């Protein structure tokens, strides 16, 4: 595989291939990167196609060899990258922005989401009674679960009441129309 082929890979292609190199499955890679499993699979399939590899494992090993080779060539006597080195996916071209302070509630919890890898990911303040994408299980407390039982029952009662009222109104409208027509 030529260096030009490796230049075609995006940052996400490379991250997914590094996950394969680390013997992780698509689900693990997806959870780690905050993506869907099918998205990871499509990145990997595209990377295999771009590199002309037989499978994702071969593509991951080739990427690891290319990165090791380029790291060996790029490091100067002081063990640093030269300032003129241009990296294809633009990593390192600008300095990292200063870290923003995380919004915190008085109890010390983050406001507006969960913190993962130093970034705040938005999530609803209300724990929902079902597992969301990226979660291995539902992490609600017993009190939250018990609060959802009457909430769901009340929502179903209101929905059924609205349906019954709508049917009653439609029946009356159809009755009046048939009375006027007859």
Protein backbone atom coordinates (compact mmCIF):
# COMPACT_ATOMS: atom_id res chain seq x y z
CA UNK A 1 0.00 0.00 0.00
CA UNK A 2 1.34 3.37 -1.03
CA UNK A 3 1.58 6.46 1.21
CA UNK A 4 -0.94 8.19 -1.06
CA UNK A 5 -3.57 5.65 -0.03
CA UNK A 6 -2.98 6.38 3.65
CA UNK A 7 -3.39 10.10 2.95
CA UNK A 8 -6.97 9.37 1.84
CA UNK A 9 -7.96 8.18 5.32
CA UNK A 10 -9.83 10.60 7.57
CA UNK A 11 -9.37 10.94 11.30
CA UNK A 12 -12.41 8.69 11.90
CA UNK A 13 -11.07 6.01 9.54
CA UNK A 14 -7.82 6.01 11.50
CA UNK A 15 -9.55 5.92 14.91
CA UNK A 16 -11.70 2.96 13.85
CA UNK A 17 -8.70 1.09 12.42
CA UNK A 18 -6.74 1.70 15.63
CA UNK A 19 -9.63 0.11 17.51
CA UNK A 20 -9.43 -2.96 15.26
CA UNK A 21 -5.67 -3.09 15.86
CA UNK A 22 -6.42 -3.10 19.62
CA UNK A 23 -8.66 -6.17 19.00
CA UNK A 24 -11.87 -4.29 19.78
CA UNK A 25 -15.20 -5.12 18.20
CA UNK A 26 -17.35 -2.62 16.33
CA UNK A 27 -19.61 -2.10 19.35
CA UNK A 28 -16.66 -1.31 21.61
CA UNK A 29 -15.18 1.10 19.06
CA UNK A 30 -18.59 2.74 18.60
CA UNK A 31 -19.03 3.24 22.34
CA UNK A 32 -15.51 4.62 22.69
CA UNK A 33 -15.95 7.11 19.83
CA UNK A 34 -19.57 8.01 20.54
CA UNK A 35 -20.78 6.61 17.22
CA UNK A 36 -23.27 3.97 16.15
CA UNK A 37 -22.09 0.44 15.39
CA UNK A 38 -23.23 0.71 11.77
CA UNK A 39 -21.31 3.98 11.39
CA UNK A 40 -18.13 2.31 12.63
CA UNK A 41 -18.70 -0.60 10.25
CA UNK A 42 -19.12 1.79 7.32
CA UNK A 43 -15.94 3.70 8.26
CA UNK A 44 -14.04 0.41 8.42
CA UNK A 45 -15.45 -0.85 5.12
CA UNK A 46 -14.53 2.42 3.43
CA UNK A 47 -11.01 2.33 4.93
CA UNK A 48 -10.52 -1.25 3.67
CA UNK A 49 -11.64 -0.13 0.21
CA UNK A 50 -9.42 2.98 0.20
CA UNK A 51 -6.36 1.00 1.26
CA UNK A 52 -7.08 -1.94 -1.04
CA UNK A 53 -6.83 -4.38 1.86
CA UNK A 54 -8.51 -7.79 2.05
CA UNK A 55 -10.19 -7.13 5.39
CA UNK A 56 -10.30 -4.73 8.32
CA UNK A 57 -7.55 -6.55 10.21
CA UNK A 58 -5.12 -6.23 7.28
CA UNK A 59 -6.03 -2.54 6.91
CA UNK A 60 -5.46 -1.94 10.64
CA UNK A 61 -2.07 -3.63 10.58
CA UNK A 62 -1.04 -1.67 7.46
CA UNK A 63 -2.07 1.61 9.11
CA UNK A 64 -0.08 0.72 12.24
CA UNK A 65 3.01 0.01 10.12
CA UNK A 66 2.57 3.26 8.17
CA UNK A 67 2.15 5.32 11.35
CA UNK A 68 5.20 3.68 12.94
CA UNK A 69 7.24 4.33 9.78
CA UNK A 70 6.12 7.98 9.53
CA UNK A 71 6.77 8.55 13.26
CA UNK A 72 10.30 7.21 12.87
CA UNK A 73 10.96 9.53 9.90
CA UNK A 74 9.37 12.63 11.43
CA UNK A 75 11.08 12.77 14.80
CA UNK A 76 14.18 14.98 14.94
CA UNK A 77 17.22 14.73 17.22
CA UNK A 78 15.34 16.22 20.18
CA UNK A 79 12.55 13.66 19.77
CA UNK A 80 10.01 16.18 18.44
CA UNK A 81 8.09 16.67 15.20
CA UNK A 82 9.55 19.40 12.96
CA UNK A 83 7.34 22.55 12.82
CA UNK A 84 6.93 22.37 9.03
CA UNK A 85 5.39 18.87 9.12
CA UNK A 86 1.87 18.98 7.68
CA UNK A 87 -0.38 16.22 8.94
CA UNK A 88 -3.11 15.12 6.46
CA UNK A 89 -6.05 15.32 8.86
CA UNK A 90 -4.94 18.78 10.17
CA UNK A 91 -4.18 17.50 13.66
CA UNK A 92 -1.53 19.66 15.24
CA UNK A 93 -1.82 22.58 12.81
CA UNK A 94 -3.38 24.80 15.45
CA UNK A 95 -2.95 24.77 19.17
CA UNK A 96 -5.68 23.26 21.29
CA UNK A 97 -8.23 25.79 22.55
CA UNK A 98 -8.12 26.52 26.27
CA UNK A 99 -10.18 24.11 28.32
CA UNK A 100 -13.62 25.46 29.12
CA UNK A 101 -14.71 25.05 32.73
CA UNK A 102 -17.39 22.42 33.07
CA UNK A 103 -20.76 23.71 34.28
CA UNK A 104 -21.29 22.30 37.76
CA UNK A 105 -24.33 22.09 40.03
CA UNK A 106 -23.98 22.86 43.75
CA UNK A 107 -23.83 19.14 44.52
CA UNK A 108 -20.76 18.76 42.27
CA UNK A 109 -22.50 17.01 39.38
CA UNK A 110 -22.18 18.32 35.84
CA UNK A 111 -25.01 20.42 34.48
CA UNK A 112 -26.57 19.47 31.17
CA UNK A 113 -24.77 16.23 30.44
CA UNK A 114 -22.23 13.60 31.24
CA UNK A 115 -18.49 14.14 31.04
CA UNK A 116 -16.55 11.73 28.86
CA UNK A 117 -12.95 12.29 27.77
CA UNK A 118 -13.05 15.85 29.12
CA UNK A 119 -16.08 16.85 27.00
CA UNK A 120 -19.61 17.44 28.22
CA UNK A 121 -22.07 15.33 26.26
CA UNK A 122 -25.64 16.55 26.35
CA UNK A 123 -28.11 14.21 27.93
CA UNK A 124 -31.58 14.74 29.30
CA UNK A 125 -31.80 15.83 32.94
CA UNK A 126 -34.64 13.36 33.41
CA UNK A 127 -33.59 9.72 33.45
CA UNK A 128 -35.67 7.88 30.89
CA UNK A 129 -37.04 4.40 31.60
CA UNK A 130 -35.20 2.80 28.69
CA UNK A 131 -31.59 2.30 27.64
CA UNK A 132 -30.13 4.98 25.38
CA UNK A 133 -27.57 4.44 22.61
CA UNK A 134 -24.09 3.94 23.97
CA UNK A 135 -25.25 2.70 27.36
CA UNK A 136 -24.66 -0.87 28.42
CA UNK A 137 -27.67 -0.81 30.75
CA UNK A 138 -30.26 1.49 32.22
CA UNK A 139 -28.69 3.14 35.28
CA UNK A 140 -31.83 4.49 36.98
CA UNK A 141 -32.22 4.24 40.73
CA UNK A 142 -35.08 2.27 42.28
CA UNK A 143 -36.86 5.52 43.26
CA UNK A 144 -36.68 6.78 39.66
CA UNK A 145 -38.07 3.48 38.40
CA UNK A 146 -40.94 3.62 40.90
CA UNK A 147 -41.75 7.19 39.88
CA UNK A 148 -42.02 6.17 36.24
CA UNK A 149 -44.76 3.55 36.92
CA UNK A 150 -47.52 6.05 37.85
CA UNK A 151 -46.22 8.56 35.30
CA UNK A 152 -46.65 6.05 32.48
CA UNK A 153 -50.05 4.97 33.84
CA UNK A 154 -51.29 8.59 33.95
CA UNK A 155 -49.96 9.25 30.43
CA UNK A 156 -51.78 6.16 29.14
CA UNK A 157 -55.03 7.22 30.88
CA UNK A 158 -54.82 10.72 29.38
CA UNK A 159 -54.09 9.27 25.93
CA UNK A 160 -57.01 6.84 26.17
CA UNK A 161 -59.30 9.66 27.37
CA UNK A 162 -58.28 11.81 24.41
CA UNK A 163 -58.91 8.92 22.02
CA UNK A 164 -62.36 8.23 23.54
CA UNK A 165 -63.29 11.94 23.38
CA UNK A 166 -62.15 12.15 19.76
CA UNK A 167 -64.21 9.10 18.81
CA UNK A 168 -67.26 10.53 20.61
CA UNK A 169 -66.94 13.85 18.78
CA UNK A 170 -66.52 12.08 15.42
CA UNK A 171 -69.59 9.93 16.10
CA UNK A 172 -71.68 13.03 16.90
CA UNK A 173 -70.41 14.87 13.79
CA UNK A 174 -71.20 11.90 11.55
CA UNK A 175 -74.64 11.55 13.20
CA UNK A 176 -75.51 15.20 12.59
CA UNK A 177 -74.27 15.05 9.00
CA UNK A 178 -76.36 11.96 8.30
CA UNK A 179 -79.40 13.60 10.01
CA UNK A 180 -79.01 16.73 7.85
CA UNK A 181 -78.54 14.69 4.67
CA UNK A 182 -81.55 12.45 5.34
